[in-house]
Every structure is written in structure tokens, then in C-alpha cells.
Amino acid sequence: MSMATQDDPRLEPLPAELDSPRAKLVYFTLAVTGGASVGELHDVLDVPKLTLLSVMDALTGRDLVQRTDDGFVAVA
């Protein structure tokens, strides 16, 4: 199994605007999965849906996440 390293060009750094650990976790999850609904994020991350909605509001307000018909996707 090949492990990615910090020098691996496939790794994109997280946007600098992400200041909270929870926002980083949600953004990273969306980036890795290609998108998810709030319900799916809740199931995977075990974060309350109200908290996720607040995080999603902040991320969409910073244009880091975009709402789709199926949920949200990372755009930055």
C-alpha cells in the first residue's frame, strides 16, 4: 500500500480560511468523498445536524462549499 506524503502533489492543502477543527473536518470529508448531504455527514462524522448546518452555512458563505441537489461539495 502506498502512503501519500506531504510532498505528494496529489495532496492539496486545506484552505487557510478554515479556522475551526470542525470546519476543517467537514471540508476534508467533502473533498475526499466528492460531496455529501448533511445526513450523510452526520452518519459519518457523528456531529449533530444543527452543528453541521451551522458549519455548512459558514463554509458556503466563504465560497469553500457549494450546495447541490444532493447536498454539498467542496469547491476550493
C-alpha atoms as a PDB file:
ATOM      1  CA  MET A   1       0.000   0.000   0.000  1.00  0.00           C
ATOM      2  CA  SER A   2       1.342   3.418  -0.971  1.00  0.00           C
ATOM      3  CA  MET A   3       1.013   6.195   1.578  1.00  0.00           C
ATOM      4  CA  ALA A   4       0.757   9.829   0.459  1.00  0.00           C
ATOM      5  CA  THR A   5       3.285  12.206   1.993  1.00  0.00           C
ATOM      6  CA  GLN A   6       3.450  15.960   2.463  1.00  0.00           C
ATOM      7  CA  ASP A   7       5.494  16.208  -0.763  1.00  0.00           C
ATOM      8  CA  ASP A   8       2.906  14.262  -2.729  1.00  0.00           C
ATOM      9  CA  PRO A   9       1.470  16.534  -5.477  1.00  0.00           C
ATOM     10  CA  ARG A  10      -1.915  14.797  -5.108  1.00  0.00           C
ATOM     11  CA  LEU A  11      -2.371  16.344  -1.667  1.00  0.00           C
ATOM     12  CA  GLU A  12      -3.991  19.731  -1.674  1.00  0.00           C
ATOM     13  CA  PRO A  13      -3.555  21.847   1.457  1.00  0.00           C
ATOM     14  CA  LEU A  14      -6.705  22.846   3.279  1.00  0.00           C
ATOM     15  CA  PRO A  15      -7.800  26.428   2.579  1.00  0.00           C
ATOM     16  CA  ALA A  16      -6.262  28.914   5.016  1.00  0.00           C
ATOM     17  CA  GLU A  17      -9.718  30.359   5.744  1.00  0.00           C
ATOM     18  CA  LEU A  18     -10.654  27.200   7.655  1.00  0.00           C
ATOM     19  CA  ASP A  19     -10.091  28.225  11.237  1.00  0.00           C
ATOM     20  CA  SER A  20     -12.029  25.685  13.289  1.00  0.00           C
ATOM     21  CA  PRO A  21     -11.169  21.997  13.595  1.00  0.00           C
ATOM     22  CA  ARG A  22     -14.792  21.060  12.856  1.00  0.00           C
ATOM     23  CA  ALA A  23     -14.857  23.146   9.658  1.00  0.00           C
ATOM     24  CA  LYS A  24     -11.599  21.504   8.574  1.00  0.00           C
ATOM     25  CA  LEU A  25     -13.045  18.044   9.262  1.00  0.00           C
ATOM     26  CA  VAL A  26     -16.247  18.748   7.318  1.00  0.00           C
ATOM     27  CA  TYR A  27     -14.389  20.356   4.396  1.00  0.00           C
ATOM     28  CA  PHE A  28     -11.875  17.487   4.242  1.00  0.00           C
ATOM     29  CA  THR A  29     -14.693  14.924   4.320  1.00  0.00           C
ATOM     30  CA  LEU A  30     -16.494  16.672   1.463  1.00  0.00           C
ATOM     31  CA  ALA A  31     -13.267  16.924  -0.542  1.00  0.00           C
ATOM     32  CA  VAL A  32     -12.419  13.248  -0.068  1.00  0.00           C
ATOM     33  CA  THR A  33     -15.910  11.895  -0.706  1.00  0.00           C
ATOM     34  CA  GLY A  34     -16.759  14.215  -3.591  1.00  0.00           C
ATOM     35  CA  GLY A  35     -19.753  15.574  -1.687  1.00  0.00           C
ATOM     36  CA  ALA A  36     -22.340  14.573   0.871  1.00  0.00           C
ATOM     37  CA  SER A  37     -25.655  15.555   2.386  1.00  0.00           C
ATOM     38  CA  VAL A  38     -25.973  16.801   5.954  1.00  0.00           C
ATOM     39  CA  GLY A  39     -27.481  13.426   6.875  1.00  0.00           C
ATOM     40  CA  GLU A  40     -24.532  11.568   5.371  1.00  0.00           C
ATOM     41  CA  LEU A  41     -22.065  13.847   7.148  1.00  0.00           C
ATOM     42  CA  HIS A  42     -23.940  13.250  10.395  1.00  0.00           C
ATOM     43  CA  ASP A  43     -23.706   9.481   9.919  1.00  0.00           C
ATOM     44  CA  VAL A  44     -20.006   9.516   9.030  1.00  0.00           C
ATOM     45  CA  LEU A  45     -18.758  12.164  11.459  1.00  0.00           C
ATOM     46  CA  ASP A  46     -21.265  11.738  14.310  1.00  0.00           C
ATOM     47  CA  VAL A  47     -21.705  15.515  14.501  1.00  0.00           C
ATOM     48  CA  PRO A  48     -25.163  16.906  15.360  1.00  0.00           C
ATOM     49  CA  LYS A  49     -27.115  18.042  12.306  1.00  0.00           C
ATOM     50  CA  LEU A  50     -27.669  21.533  13.729  1.00  0.00           C
ATOM     51  CA  THR A  51     -23.926  21.917  14.162  1.00  0.00           C
ATOM     52  CA  LEU A  52     -23.341  20.690  10.624  1.00  0.00           C
ATOM     53  CA  LEU A  53     -25.872  23.185   9.261  1.00  0.00           C
ATOM     54  CA  SER A  54     -24.017  25.986  11.032  1.00  0.00           C
ATOM     55  CA  VAL A  55     -20.683  24.801   9.631  1.00  0.00           C
ATOM     56  CA  MET A  56     -22.154  24.456   6.146  1.00  0.00           C
ATOM     57  CA  ASP A  57     -23.554  27.992   6.368  1.00  0.00           C
ATOM     58  CA  ALA A  58     -20.096  29.322   7.269  1.00  0.00           C
ATOM     59  CA  LEU A  59     -18.368  27.315   4.544  1.00  0.00           C
ATOM     60  CA  THR A  60     -20.843  28.352   1.835  1.00  0.00           C
ATOM     61  CA  GLY A  61     -20.545  31.961   2.996  1.00  0.00           C
ATOM     62  CA  ARG A  62     -16.796  31.766   2.389  1.00  0.00           C
ATOM     63  CA  ASP A  63     -17.352  30.111  -1.021  1.00  0.00           C
ATOM     64  CA  LEU A  64     -15.477  26.988   0.114  1.00  0.00           C
ATOM     65  CA  VAL A  65     -18.507  24.730  -0.258  1.00  0.00           C
ATOM     66  CA  GLN A  66     -21.342  24.768  -2.765  1.00  0.00           C
ATOM     67  CA  ARG A  67     -24.845  23.440  -2.263  1.00  0.00           C
ATOM     68  CA  THR A  68     -26.025  20.894  -4.844  1.00  0.00           C
ATOM     69  CA  ASP A  69     -29.243  18.966  -5.384  1.00  0.00           C
ATOM     70  CA  ASP A  70     -27.727  16.069  -3.432  1.00  0.00           C
ATOM     71  CA  GLY A  71     -26.045  18.017  -0.611  1.00  0.00           C
ATOM     72  CA  PHE A  72     -22.758  19.901  -0.564  1.00  0.00           C
ATOM     73  CA  VAL A  73     -19.421  19.730  -2.380  1.00  0.00           C
ATOM     74  CA  ALA A  74     -16.035  21.318  -1.622  1.00  0.00           C
ATOM     75  CA  VAL A  75     -15.140  23.884  -4.281  1.00  0.00           C
ATOM     76  CA  ALA A  76     -11.872  25.437  -3.153  1.00  0.00           C
END
